[in-house]
Amino acid sequence: MVESAPLTLSAQETETLAAWINQRGGVDAVLGSLLSNPRLPEAARVFATNMQALADSDAAFDAILKDIGRYLITMCVIFLHVRGGVTLPRLKAMLSLRTYVSPGRARALLHFLCHLDCLTEVPPPTRRDPVRYVPTARLMTAWHNHMRAVLGASRVIEPVVGAVLDRLDEPAVFTAFCRNHTEFGFGEMRESHQELAFTRLFMHRFAGSQIFGQLLALQGAGEAPLSGAAPISVADLAERHNVSAMHVRRLLDAGVSEGLLRYDDANGVVLEDAGRATARFVYAVQIFVFIAAAEKTAREIA
């Protein structure tokens, strides 16, 4: 690991972060605490808004966010890069990834990342060795900005993660955090999550999570987050996310059919109770992963 000055927390801050990991009842208890936290709706909206801003500022990162497979492959690429190098066999060996991405698509997505100028192929020294893939500066910068954006949202819930966020520019802190983020993230990706309507409708469909995130960011602006109606233009959503209007309409209609959304009389989209509950759960899981990764990073660099 690259040398770095100790990441010093007070005894109270250390105890506060550790409490997220050591709650009696495990992860289910932690998620219960998060789901009942009055700051969660605002944290979720900050999360969605920050991700939207990053996608707007970087076409390559926007392309990565278009579906869960692209995002997870990129997360694994960063993880393997800081753990010794990226190859297709090493990528396929990450068992948790197989729930979401087939081996064939993993290969295709590596080539896709090369096309985006996010990876560079390094020819193997011998025919028996696999091709190595090295993240470009463009990808590393985008991922660094991504980590900062979501840590910023997580800080709404747990201010102590700011100690890690403030030091994320340091190579040792960034490397440790990326590794811990992936390990905790895959630890919380369960096959049962594939059955969630949100996963099927929004995470796997092209630009689905981005469109849902935009709805979330607009919900209840000026009121309580995750309530109220989002003023919506199908044409604007289609243009912003580079998809057809028909694709957006089908996505929204599917959300309505599943009971997650409904249309109101003023051309708005409203999150139903099930949609709000789903949004809370999905963002709570992701925020927990970031808090947990920050806690372990703080311990490692203490």
C-alpha atoms as a PDB file:
ATOM      1  CA  MET A   1       0.000   0.000   0.000  1.00  0.00           C
ATOM      2  CA  VAL A   2       1.206   3.542  -0.747  1.00  0.00           C
ATOM      3  CA  GLU A   3       2.406   5.299   2.411  1.00  0.00           C
ATOM      4  CA  SER A   4       0.029   7.854   3.887  1.00  0.00           C
ATOM      5  CA  ALA A   5      -0.239   9.824   7.099  1.00  0.00           C
ATOM      6  CA  PRO A   6      -2.517   8.208   9.689  1.00  0.00           C
ATOM      7  CA  LEU A   7      -6.216   8.918   9.292  1.00  0.00           C
ATOM      8  CA  THR A   8      -6.794  10.145  12.830  1.00  0.00           C
ATOM      9  CA  LEU A   9     -10.251  10.023  14.393  1.00  0.00           C
ATOM     10  CA  SER A  10     -11.216  10.882  17.925  1.00  0.00           C
ATOM     11  CA  ALA A  11     -12.270   8.053  20.228  1.00  0.00           C
ATOM     12  CA  GLN A  12     -15.877   9.187  19.888  1.00  0.00           C
ATOM     13  CA  GLU A  13     -15.696   9.307  16.073  1.00  0.00           C
ATOM     14  CA  THR A  14     -14.121   5.833  15.962  1.00  0.00           C
ATOM     15  CA  GLU A  15     -16.875   4.492  18.205  1.00  0.00           C
ATOM     16  CA  THR A  16     -19.556   6.192  16.124  1.00  0.00           C
ATOM     17  CA  LEU A  17     -18.345   4.610  12.875  1.00  0.00           C
ATOM     18  CA  ALA A  18     -17.782   1.213  14.485  1.00  0.00           C
ATOM     19  CA  ALA A  19     -21.362   1.219  15.778  1.00  0.00           C
ATOM     20  CA  TRP A  20     -22.629   0.903  12.194  1.00  0.00           C
ATOM     21  CA  ILE A  21     -20.726  -2.360  11.775  1.00  0.00           C
ATOM     22  CA  ASN A  22     -21.172  -3.829  15.238  1.00  0.00           C
ATOM     23  CA  GLN A  23     -24.912  -3.435  15.757  1.00  0.00           C
ATOM     24  CA  ARG A  24     -26.554  -6.430  17.377  1.00  0.00           C
ATOM     25  CA  GLY A  25     -28.622  -8.087  14.686  1.00  0.00           C
ATOM     26  CA  GLY A  26     -26.056  -7.485  11.938  1.00  0.00           C
ATOM     27  CA  VAL A  27     -26.763  -5.869   8.592  1.00  0.00           C
ATOM     28  CA  ASP A  28     -30.536  -6.246   8.906  1.00  0.00           C
ATOM     29  CA  ALA A  29     -30.434  -4.185  12.103  1.00  0.00           C
ATOM     30  CA  VAL A  30     -28.245  -1.555  10.427  1.00  0.00           C
ATOM     31  CA  LEU A  31     -30.623  -1.292   7.476  1.00  0.00           C
ATOM     32  CA  GLY A  32     -33.526  -1.003   9.914  1.00  0.00           C
ATOM     33  CA  SER A  33     -31.771   1.934  11.565  1.00  0.00           C
ATOM     34  CA  LEU A  34     -31.089   3.553   8.216  1.00  0.00           C
ATOM     35  CA  LEU A  35     -34.624   3.067   6.947  1.00  0.00           C
ATOM     36  CA  SER A  36     -36.002   4.831  10.010  1.00  0.00           C
ATOM     37  CA  ASN A  37     -33.382   7.602   9.947  1.00  0.00           C
ATOM     38  CA  PRO A  38     -35.104  10.941   9.288  1.00  0.00           C
ATOM     39  CA  ARG A  39     -32.123  12.073   7.190  1.00  0.00           C
ATOM     40  CA  LEU A  40     -32.355   9.160   4.736  1.00  0.00           C
ATOM     41  CA  PRO A  41     -34.760  10.838   2.277  1.00  0.00           C
ATOM     42  CA  GLU A  42     -32.469  13.854   1.964  1.00  0.00           C
ATOM     43  CA  ALA A  43     -29.374  11.650   1.673  1.00  0.00           C
ATOM     44  CA  ALA A  44     -31.074   9.678  -1.111  1.00  0.00           C
ATOM     45  CA  ARG A  45     -31.900  12.854  -2.977  1.00  0.00           C
ATOM     46  CA  VAL A  46     -28.337  14.173  -2.605  1.00  0.00           C
ATOM     47  CA  PHE A  47     -27.095  10.775  -3.855  1.00  0.00           C
ATOM     48  CA  ALA A  48     -29.328  10.932  -6.929  1.00  0.00           C
ATOM     49  CA  THR A  49     -28.546  14.594  -7.617  1.00  0.00           C
ATOM     50  CA  ASN A  50     -24.781  14.087  -7.316  1.00  0.00           C
ATOM     51  CA  MET A  51     -24.831  11.092  -9.649  1.00  0.00           C
ATOM     52  CA  GLN A  52     -26.902  13.033 -12.145  1.00  0.00           C
ATOM     53  CA  ALA A  53     -24.402  15.892 -12.095  1.00  0.00           C
ATOM     54  CA  LEU A  54     -21.475  13.523 -12.695  1.00  0.00           C
ATOM     55  CA  ALA A  55     -23.236  11.887 -15.620  1.00  0.00           C
ATOM     56  CA  ASP A  56     -24.003  15.299 -17.119  1.00  0.00           C
ATOM     57  CA  SER A  57     -20.335  16.310 -16.865  1.00  0.00           C
ATOM     58  CA  ASP A  58     -18.721  13.123 -18.247  1.00  0.00           C
ATOM     59  CA  ALA A  59     -20.107  11.258 -21.254  1.00  0.00           C
ATOM     60  CA  ALA A  60     -18.043   8.140 -20.498  1.00  0.00           C
ATOM     61  CA  PHE A  61     -19.257   7.920 -16.912  1.00  0.00           C
ATOM     62  CA  ASP A  62     -22.802   8.536 -18.141  1.00  0.00           C
ATOM     63  CA  ALA A  63     -22.420   5.509 -20.441  1.00  0.00           C
ATOM     64  CA  ILE A  64     -21.162   3.390 -17.509  1.00  0.00           C
ATOM     65  CA  LEU A  65     -24.231   4.279 -15.450  1.00  0.00           C
ATOM     66  CA  LYS A  66     -26.680   3.143 -18.142  1.00  0.00           C
ATOM     67  CA  ASP A  67     -27.204  -0.284 -16.555  1.00  0.00           C
ATOM     68  CA  ILE A  68     -26.118  -2.331 -13.556  1.00  0.00           C
ATOM     69  CA  GLY A  69     -23.854  -4.616 -15.607  1.00  0.00           C
ATOM     70  CA  ARG A  70     -21.727  -1.752 -16.906  1.00  0.00           C
ATOM     71  CA  TYR A  71     -21.450  -0.252 -13.446  1.00  0.00           C
ATOM     72  CA  LEU A  72     -20.476  -3.513 -11.728  1.00  0.00           C
ATOM     73  CA  ILE A  73     -17.856  -4.381 -14.330  1.00  0.00           C
ATOM     74  CA  THR A  74     -16.313  -0.950 -13.832  1.00  0.00           C
ATOM     75  CA  MET A  75     -16.355  -1.376 -10.050  1.00  0.00           C
ATOM     76  CA  CYS A  76     -14.608  -4.751 -10.431  1.00  0.00           C
ATOM     77  CA  VAL A  77     -12.053  -3.278 -12.840  1.00  0.00           C
ATOM     78  CA  ILE A  78     -11.073  -0.655 -10.246  1.00  0.00           C
ATOM     79  CA  PHE A  79     -10.967  -3.311  -7.521  1.00  0.00           C
ATOM     80  CA  LEU A  80      -8.745  -5.669  -9.523  1.00  0.00           C
ATOM     81  CA  HIS A  81      -6.527  -2.796 -10.611  1.00  0.00           C
ATOM     82  CA  VAL A  82      -5.712  -1.907  -6.999  1.00  0.00           C
ATOM     83  CA  ARG A  83      -5.348  -5.623  -6.176  1.00  0.00           C
ATOM     84  CA  GLY A  84      -2.724  -6.549  -8.754  1.00  0.00           C
ATOM     85  CA  GLY A  85      -4.156  -6.108 -12.239  1.00  0.00           C
ATOM     86  CA  VAL A  86      -7.200  -6.609 -14.463  1.00  0.00           C
ATOM     87  CA  THR A  87      -7.583  -9.668 -16.688  1.00  0.00           C
ATOM     88  CA  LEU A  88     -10.665 -11.398 -18.032  1.00  0.00           C
ATOM     89  CA  PRO A  89     -10.006 -14.624 -16.030  1.00  0.00           C
ATOM     90  CA  ARG A  90      -9.682 -12.644 -12.804  1.00  0.00           C
ATOM     91  CA  LEU A  91     -12.872 -10.775 -13.615  1.00  0.00           C
ATOM     92  CA  LYS A  92     -14.784 -13.998 -14.282  1.00  0.00           C
ATOM     93  CA  ALA A  93     -13.504 -15.434 -11.001  1.00  0.00           C
ATOM     94  CA  MET A  94     -15.420 -12.806  -9.018  1.00  0.00           C
ATOM     95  CA  LEU A  95     -18.351 -15.069  -8.176  1.00  0.00           C
ATOM     96  CA  SER A  96     -20.704 -12.355  -6.939  1.00  0.00           C
ATOM     97  CA  LEU A  97     -20.517 -10.654 -10.322  1.00  0.00           C
ATOM     98  CA  ARG A  98     -22.070 -13.662 -12.059  1.00  0.00           C
ATOM     99  CA  THR A  99     -25.468 -12.946 -10.524  1.00  0.00           C
ATOM    100  CA  TYR A 100     -25.700  -9.809 -12.652  1.00  0.00           C
ATOM    101  CA  VAL A 101     -23.293 -10.273 -15.594  1.00  0.00           C
ATOM    102  CA  SER A 102     -22.645 -13.362 -17.710  1.00  0.00           C
ATOM    103  CA  PRO A 103     -19.026 -14.291 -18.612  1.00  0.00           C
ATOM    104  CA  GLY A 104     -19.708 -13.420 -22.245  1.00  0.00           C
ATOM    105  CA  ARG A 105     -20.997  -9.981 -21.361  1.00  0.00           C
ATOM    106  CA  ALA A 106     -18.033  -9.415 -19.057  1.00  0.00           C
ATOM    107  CA  ARG A 107     -15.711  -9.802 -22.048  1.00  0.00           C
ATOM    108  CA  ALA A 108     -17.854  -7.485 -24.175  1.00  0.00           C
ATOM    109  CA  LEU A 109     -17.948  -4.855 -21.445  1.00  0.00           C
ATOM    110  CA  LEU A 110     -14.167  -4.820 -21.118  1.00  0.00           C
ATOM    111  CA  HIS A 111     -14.007  -4.006 -24.827  1.00  0.00           C
ATOM    112  CA  PHE A 112     -16.731  -1.394 -24.314  1.00  0.00           C
ATOM    113  CA  LEU A 113     -14.657   0.313 -21.609  1.00  0.00           C
ATOM    114  CA  CYS A 114     -11.699   0.329 -23.999  1.00  0.00           C
ATOM    115  CA  HIS A 115     -13.950   1.992 -26.597  1.00  0.00           C
ATOM    116  CA  LEU A 116     -14.840   4.672 -24.031  1.00  0.00           C
ATOM    117  CA  ASP A 117     -11.129   5.357 -23.454  1.00  0.00           C
ATOM    118  CA  CYS A 118     -11.527   4.069 -19.896  1.00  0.00           C
ATOM    119  CA  LEU A 119      -9.257   1.034 -20.315  1.00  0.00           C
ATOM    120  CA  THR A 120      -6.087   0.327 -22.253  1.00  0.00           C
ATOM    121  CA  GLU A 121      -5.225  -3.183 -23.443  1.00  0.00           C
ATOM    122  CA  VAL A 122      -1.741  -4.426 -22.607  1.00  0.00           C
ATOM    123  CA  PRO A 123      -0.613  -7.316 -24.845  1.00  0.00           C
ATOM    124  CA  PRO A 124       0.393 -10.463 -22.905  1.00  0.00           C
ATOM    125  CA  PRO A 125       4.092 -11.345 -22.646  1.00  0.00           C
ATOM    126  CA  THR A 126       3.382 -14.870 -23.956  1.00  0.00           C
ATOM    127  CA  ARG A 127       0.493 -16.593 -25.704  1.00  0.00           C
ATOM    128  CA  ARG A 128      -0.360 -18.410 -22.499  1.00  0.00           C
ATOM    129  CA  ASP A 129      -0.865 -15.198 -20.572  1.00  0.00           C
ATOM    130  CA  PRO A 130      -4.134 -13.233 -20.649  1.00  0.00           C
ATOM    131  CA  VAL A 131      -4.456  -9.694 -21.915  1.00  0.00           C
ATOM    132  CA  ARG A 132      -4.168  -7.136 -19.135  1.00  0.00           C
ATOM    133  CA  TYR A 133      -6.367  -4.057 -18.920  1.00  0.00           C
ATOM    134  CA  VAL A 134      -5.213  -0.845 -17.291  1.00  0.00           C
ATOM    135  CA  PRO A 135      -7.624   1.940 -16.271  1.00  0.00           C
ATOM    136  CA  THR A 136      -6.926   5.237 -17.968  1.00  0.00           C
ATOM    137  CA  ALA A 137      -6.628   8.558 -16.181  1.00  0.00           C
ATOM    138  CA  ARG A 138     -10.113   9.339 -17.476  1.00  0.00           C
ATOM    139  CA  LEU A 139     -11.639   6.363 -15.659  1.00  0.00           C
ATOM    140  CA  MET A 140      -9.659   6.874 -12.457  1.00  0.00           C
ATOM    141  CA  THR A 141     -10.742  10.510 -12.310  1.00  0.00           C
ATOM    142  CA  ALA A 142     -14.373   9.591 -12.956  1.00  0.00           C
ATOM    143  CA  TRP A 143     -14.320   6.901 -10.268  1.00  0.00           C
ATOM    144  CA  HIS A 144     -12.660   9.229  -7.790  1.00  0.00           C
ATOM    145  CA  ASN A 145     -15.414  11.791  -8.423  1.00  0.00           C
ATOM    146  CA  HIS A 146     -18.020   9.053  -8.023  1.00  0.00           C
ATOM    147  CA  MET A 147     -16.615   7.977  -4.652  1.00  0.00           C
ATOM    148  CA  ARG A 148     -16.577  11.587  -3.493  1.00  0.00           C
ATOM    149  CA  ALA A 149     -20.157  12.159  -4.648  1.00  0.00           C
ATOM    150  CA  VAL A 150     -21.621   9.202  -2.778  1.00  0.00           C
ATOM    151  CA  LEU A 151     -19.492   9.739   0.322  1.00  0.00           C
ATOM    152  CA  GLY A 152     -20.908  13.266   0.298  1.00  0.00           C
ATOM    153  CA  ALA A 153     -24.431  11.843   0.325  1.00  0.00           C
ATOM    154  CA  SER A 154     -23.470   9.336   3.035  1.00  0.00           C
ATOM    155  CA  ARG A 155     -22.162  12.187   5.173  1.00  0.00           C
ATOM    156  CA  VAL A 156     -25.751  13.466   5.421  1.00  0.00           C
ATOM    157  CA  ILE A 157     -26.456  10.330   7.480  1.00  0.00           C
ATOM    158  CA  GLU A 158     -23.073   9.921   9.185  1.00  0.00           C
ATOM    159  CA  PRO A 159     -20.922  13.081   9.353  1.00  0.00           C
ATOM    160  CA  VAL A 160     -17.835  11.135  10.515  1.00  0.00           C
ATOM    161  CA  VAL A 161     -17.311   9.720   6.995  1.00  0.00           C
ATOM    162  CA  GLY A 162     -16.159  13.243   6.165  1.00  0.00           C
ATOM    163  CA  ALA A 163     -12.794  12.296   7.684  1.00  0.00           C
ATOM    164  CA  VAL A 164     -12.295   9.794   4.859  1.00  0.00           C
ATOM    165  CA  LEU A 165     -13.853  12.055   2.230  1.00  0.00           C
ATOM    166  CA  ASP A 166     -11.450  14.876   3.117  1.00  0.00           C
ATOM    167  CA  ARG A 167      -8.461  12.564   2.530  1.00  0.00           C
ATOM    168  CA  LEU A 168      -9.739  10.737  -0.548  1.00  0.00           C
ATOM    169  CA  ASP A 169      -7.237  12.530  -2.802  1.00  0.00           C
ATOM    170  CA  GLU A 170      -4.417  10.597  -1.113  1.00  0.00           C
ATOM    171  CA  PRO A 171      -3.541   7.452  -3.118  1.00  0.00           C
ATOM    172  CA  ALA A 172      -3.417   5.139  -0.081  1.00  0.00           C
ATOM    173  CA  VAL A 173      -6.808   6.300   1.186  1.00  0.00           C
ATOM    174  CA  PHE A 174      -8.397   6.078  -2.261  1.00  0.00           C
ATOM    175  CA  THR A 175      -6.948   2.602  -2.894  1.00  0.00           C
ATOM    176  CA  ALA A 176      -8.110   1.261   0.462  1.00  0.00           C
ATOM    177  CA  PHE A 177     -11.539   2.806   0.099  1.00  0.00           C
ATOM    178  CA  CYS A 178     -12.096   1.391  -3.414  1.00  0.00           C
ATOM    179  CA  ARG A 179     -11.123  -2.087  -2.229  1.00  0.00           C
ATOM    180  CA  ASN A 180     -13.365  -1.905   0.838  1.00  0.00           C
ATOM    181  CA  HIS A 181     -16.252  -0.436  -1.143  1.00  0.00           C
ATOM    182  CA  THR A 182     -16.227  -3.350  -3.594  1.00  0.00           C
ATOM    183  CA  GLU A 183     -15.833  -5.993  -0.880  1.00  0.00           C
ATOM    184  CA  PHE A 184     -18.708  -4.616   1.182  1.00  0.00           C
ATOM    185  CA  GLY A 185     -20.778  -3.959  -1.936  1.00  0.00           C
ATOM    186  CA  PHE A 186     -20.575  -7.543  -3.144  1.00  0.00           C
ATOM    187  CA  GLY A 187     -21.181  -8.728   0.398  1.00  0.00           C
ATOM    188  CA  GLU A 188     -24.560  -6.998   0.342  1.00  0.00           C
ATOM    189  CA  MET A 189     -25.587  -8.017  -3.188  1.00  0.00           C
ATOM    190  CA  ARG A 190     -27.966 -10.896  -2.642  1.00  0.00           C
ATOM    191  CA  GLU A 191     -29.735 -13.001  -5.229  1.00  0.00           C
ATOM    192  CA  SER A 192     -33.050 -12.006  -3.663  1.00  0.00           C
ATOM    193  CA  HIS A 193     -32.408  -8.420  -4.770  1.00  0.00           C
ATOM    194  CA  GLN A 194     -32.830  -9.594  -8.358  1.00  0.00           C
ATOM    195  CA  GLU A 195     -36.499 -10.211  -7.588  1.00  0.00           C
ATOM    196  CA  LEU A 196     -37.154  -6.619  -6.585  1.00  0.00           C
ATOM    197  CA  ALA A 197     -39.304  -4.794  -9.116  1.00  0.00           C
ATOM    198  CA  PHE A 198     -36.866  -1.878  -8.937  1.00  0.00           C
ATOM    199  CA  THR A 199     -33.956  -4.138  -9.939  1.00  0.00           C
ATOM    200  CA  ARG A 200     -35.841  -5.691 -12.843  1.00  0.00           C
ATOM    201  CA  LEU A 201     -37.396  -2.504 -14.158  1.00  0.00           C
ATOM    202  CA  PHE A 202     -34.818   0.175 -13.503  1.00  0.00           C
ATOM    203  CA  MET A 203     -31.368  -1.272 -12.790  1.00  0.00           C
ATOM    204  CA  HIS A 204     -31.287  -3.711 -15.718  1.00  0.00           C
ATOM    205  CA  ARG A 205     -33.068  -1.537 -18.284  1.00  0.00           C
ATOM    206  CA  PHE A 206     -31.003   0.936 -20.262  1.00  0.00           C
ATOM    207  CA  ALA A 207     -30.819   4.285 -18.398  1.00  0.00           C
ATOM    208  CA  GLY A 208     -33.450   3.011 -15.966  1.00  0.00           C
ATOM    209  CA  SER A 209     -31.650   3.828 -12.746  1.00  0.00           C
ATOM    210  CA  GLN A 210     -30.710   7.260 -14.104  1.00  0.00           C
ATOM    211  CA  ILE A 211     -34.319   8.055 -14.974  1.00  0.00           C
ATOM    212  CA  PHE A 212     -35.501   6.841 -11.566  1.00  0.00           C
ATOM    213  CA  GLY A 213     -32.744   8.899  -9.941  1.00  0.00           C
ATOM    214  CA  GLN A 214     -33.916  12.004 -11.781  1.00  0.00           C
ATOM    215  CA  LEU A 215     -37.471  11.395 -10.601  1.00  0.00           C
ATOM    216  CA  LEU A 216     -36.172  10.971  -7.082  1.00  0.00           C
ATOM    217  CA  ALA A 217     -34.147  14.186  -7.245  1.00  0.00           C
ATOM    218  CA  LEU A 218     -37.271  16.070  -8.340  1.00  0.00           C
ATOM    219  CA  GLN A 219     -39.684  14.494  -5.857  1.00  0.00           C
ATOM    220  CA  GLY A 220     -41.015  16.973  -3.365  1.00  0.00           C
ATOM    221  CA  ALA A 221     -38.604  19.772  -4.271  1.00  0.00           C
ATOM    222  CA  GLY A 222     -39.072  22.343  -1.498  1.00  0.00           C
ATOM    223  CA  GLU A 223     -41.068  19.830   0.532  1.00  0.00           C
ATOM    224  CA  ALA A 224     -40.204  16.558   2.209  1.00  0.00           C
ATOM    225  CA  PRO A 225     -37.949  14.477  -0.063  1.00  0.00           C
ATOM    226  CA  LEU A 226     -39.475  11.297  -1.512  1.00  0.00           C
ATOM    227  CA  SER A 227     -42.937  12.847  -1.520  1.00  0.00           C
ATOM    228  CA  GLY A 228     -44.994  14.871  -3.962  1.00  0.00           C
ATOM    229  CA  ALA A 229     -44.945  14.725  -7.747  1.00  0.00           C
ATOM    230  CA  ALA A 230     -42.072  15.223 -10.159  1.00  0.00           C
ATOM    231  CA  PRO A 231     -42.895  17.499 -13.107  1.00  0.00           C
ATOM    232  CA  ILE A 232     -41.975  15.324 -16.027  1.00  0.00           C
ATOM    233  CA  SER A 233     -41.434  15.680 -19.728  1.00  0.00           C
ATOM    234  CA  VAL A 234     -40.908  12.395 -21.520  1.00  0.00           C
ATOM    235  CA  ALA A 235     -39.170  14.255 -24.330  1.00  0.00           C
ATOM    236  CA  ASP A 236     -36.779  15.959 -21.889  1.00  0.00           C
ATOM    237  CA  LEU A 237     -35.977  12.667 -20.152  1.00  0.00           C
ATOM    238  CA  ALA A 238     -35.344  11.002 -23.493  1.00  0.00           C
ATOM    239  CA  GLU A 239     -33.029  13.777 -24.673  1.00  0.00           C
ATOM    240  CA  ARG A 240     -31.132  13.982 -21.395  1.00  0.00           C
ATOM    241  CA  HIS A 241     -30.467  10.259 -21.157  1.00  0.00           C
ATOM    242  CA  ASN A 242     -29.996   9.647 -24.898  1.00  0.00           C
ATOM    243  CA  VAL A 243     -32.889   7.208 -25.278  1.00  0.00           C
ATOM    244  CA  SER A 244     -36.123   7.259 -27.247  1.00  0.00           C
ATOM    245  CA  ALA A 245     -39.310   8.779 -25.886  1.00  0.00           C
ATOM    246  CA  MET A 246     -40.965   5.395 -26.366  1.00  0.00           C
ATOM    247  CA  HIS A 247     -38.298   3.784 -24.164  1.00  0.00           C
ATOM    248  CA  VAL A 248     -38.951   6.326 -21.395  1.00  0.00           C
ATOM    249  CA  ARG A 249     -42.706   5.889 -21.650  1.00  0.00           C
ATOM    250  CA  ARG A 250     -42.414   2.104 -21.489  1.00  0.00           C
ATOM    251  CA  LEU A 251     -40.163   2.379 -18.463  1.00  0.00           C
ATOM    252  CA  LEU A 252     -42.572   4.682 -16.643  1.00  0.00           C
ATOM    253  CA  ASP A 253     -45.584   2.582 -17.643  1.00  0.00           C
ATOM    254  CA  ALA A 254     -43.841  -0.520 -16.282  1.00  0.00           C
ATOM    255  CA  GLY A 255     -43.226   1.318 -13.006  1.00  0.00           C
ATOM    256  CA  VAL A 256     -46.916   2.202 -12.869  1.00  0.00           C
ATOM    257  CA  SER A 257     -47.919  -1.416 -13.597  1.00  0.00           C
ATOM    258  CA  GLU A 258     -45.687  -2.633 -10.757  1.00  0.00           C
ATOM    259  CA  GLY A 259     -47.229  -0.152  -8.335  1.00  0.00           C
ATOM    260  CA  LEU A 260     -44.051   1.892  -7.882  1.00  0.00           C
ATOM    261  CA  LEU A 261     -45.265   5.024  -9.711  1.00  0.00           C
ATOM    262  CA  ARG A 262     -48.458   6.701 -10.797  1.00  0.00           C
ATOM    263  CA  TYR A 263     -49.276   9.587 -13.101  1.00  0.00           C
ATOM    264  CA  ASP A 264     -51.158  12.586 -11.748  1.00  0.00           C
ATOM    265  CA  ASP A 265     -53.496  14.946 -13.560  1.00  0.00           C
ATOM    266  CA  ALA A 266     -50.802  17.576 -14.148  1.00  0.00           C
ATOM    267  CA  ASN A 267     -48.370  15.493 -16.208  1.00  0.00           C
ATOM    268  CA  GLY A 268     -46.377  14.525 -13.137  1.00  0.00           C
ATOM    269  CA  VAL A 269     -45.040  11.220 -11.862  1.00  0.00           C
ATOM    270  CA  VAL A 270     -45.669  10.368  -8.230  1.00  0.00           C
ATOM    271  CA  LEU A 271     -43.822   7.765  -6.200  1.00  0.00           C
ATOM    272  CA  GLU A 272     -46.365   5.428  -4.687  1.00  0.00           C
ATOM    273  CA  ASP A 273     -45.834   4.039  -1.182  1.00  0.00           C
ATOM    274  CA  ALA A 274     -44.142   0.987  -2.717  1.00  0.00           C
ATOM    275  CA  GLY A 275     -41.902   3.233  -4.814  1.00  0.00           C
ATOM    276  CA  ARG A 276     -40.881   5.296  -1.799  1.00  0.00           C
ATOM    277  CA  ALA A 277     -40.185   2.136   0.203  1.00  0.00           C
ATOM    278  CA  THR A 278     -38.108   0.733  -2.656  1.00  0.00           C
ATOM    279  CA  ALA A 279     -36.141   3.966  -3.016  1.00  0.00           C
ATOM    280  CA  ARG A 280     -35.447   4.034   0.709  1.00  0.00           C
ATOM    281  CA  PHE A 281     -34.242   0.425   0.703  1.00  0.00           C
ATOM    282  CA  VAL A 282     -32.046   0.714  -2.399  1.00  0.00           C
ATOM    283  CA  TYR A 283     -30.354   3.903  -1.252  1.00  0.00           C
ATOM    284  CA  ALA A 284     -30.069   2.666   2.352  1.00  0.00           C
ATOM    285  CA  VAL A 285     -28.124  -0.400   1.174  1.00  0.00           C
ATOM    286  CA  GLN A 286     -25.754   1.718  -0.910  1.00  0.00           C
ATOM    287  CA  ILE A 287     -25.216   4.270   1.848  1.00  0.00           C
ATOM    288  CA  PHE A 288     -24.521   1.482   4.347  1.00  0.00           C
ATOM    289  CA  VAL A 289     -21.869   0.074   2.005  1.00  0.00           C
ATOM    290  CA  PHE A 290     -20.150   3.466   1.805  1.00  0.00           C
ATOM    291  CA  ILE A 291     -20.279   4.000   5.574  1.00  0.00           C
ATOM    292  CA  ALA A 292     -18.928   0.490   6.179  1.00  0.00           C
ATOM    293  CA  ALA A 293     -16.138   1.022   3.652  1.00  0.00           C
ATOM    294  CA  ALA A 294     -15.259   4.344   5.295  1.00  0.00           C
ATOM    295  CA  GLU A 295     -15.110   2.674   8.723  1.00  0.00           C
ATOM    296  CA  LYS A 296     -12.755  -0.066   7.549  1.00  0.00           C
ATOM    297  CA  THR A 297     -10.594   2.420   5.634  1.00  0.00           C
ATOM    298  CA  ALA A 298     -10.279   4.595   8.734  1.00  0.00           C
ATOM    299  CA  ARG A 299      -9.154   1.551  10.761  1.00  0.00           C
ATOM    300  CA  GLU A 300      -6.610   0.486   8.150  1.00  0.00           C
ATOM    301  CA  ILE A 301      -5.005   3.917   7.824  1.00  0.00           C
ATOM    302  CA  ALA A 302      -5.139   4.757  11.548  1.00  0.00           C
END
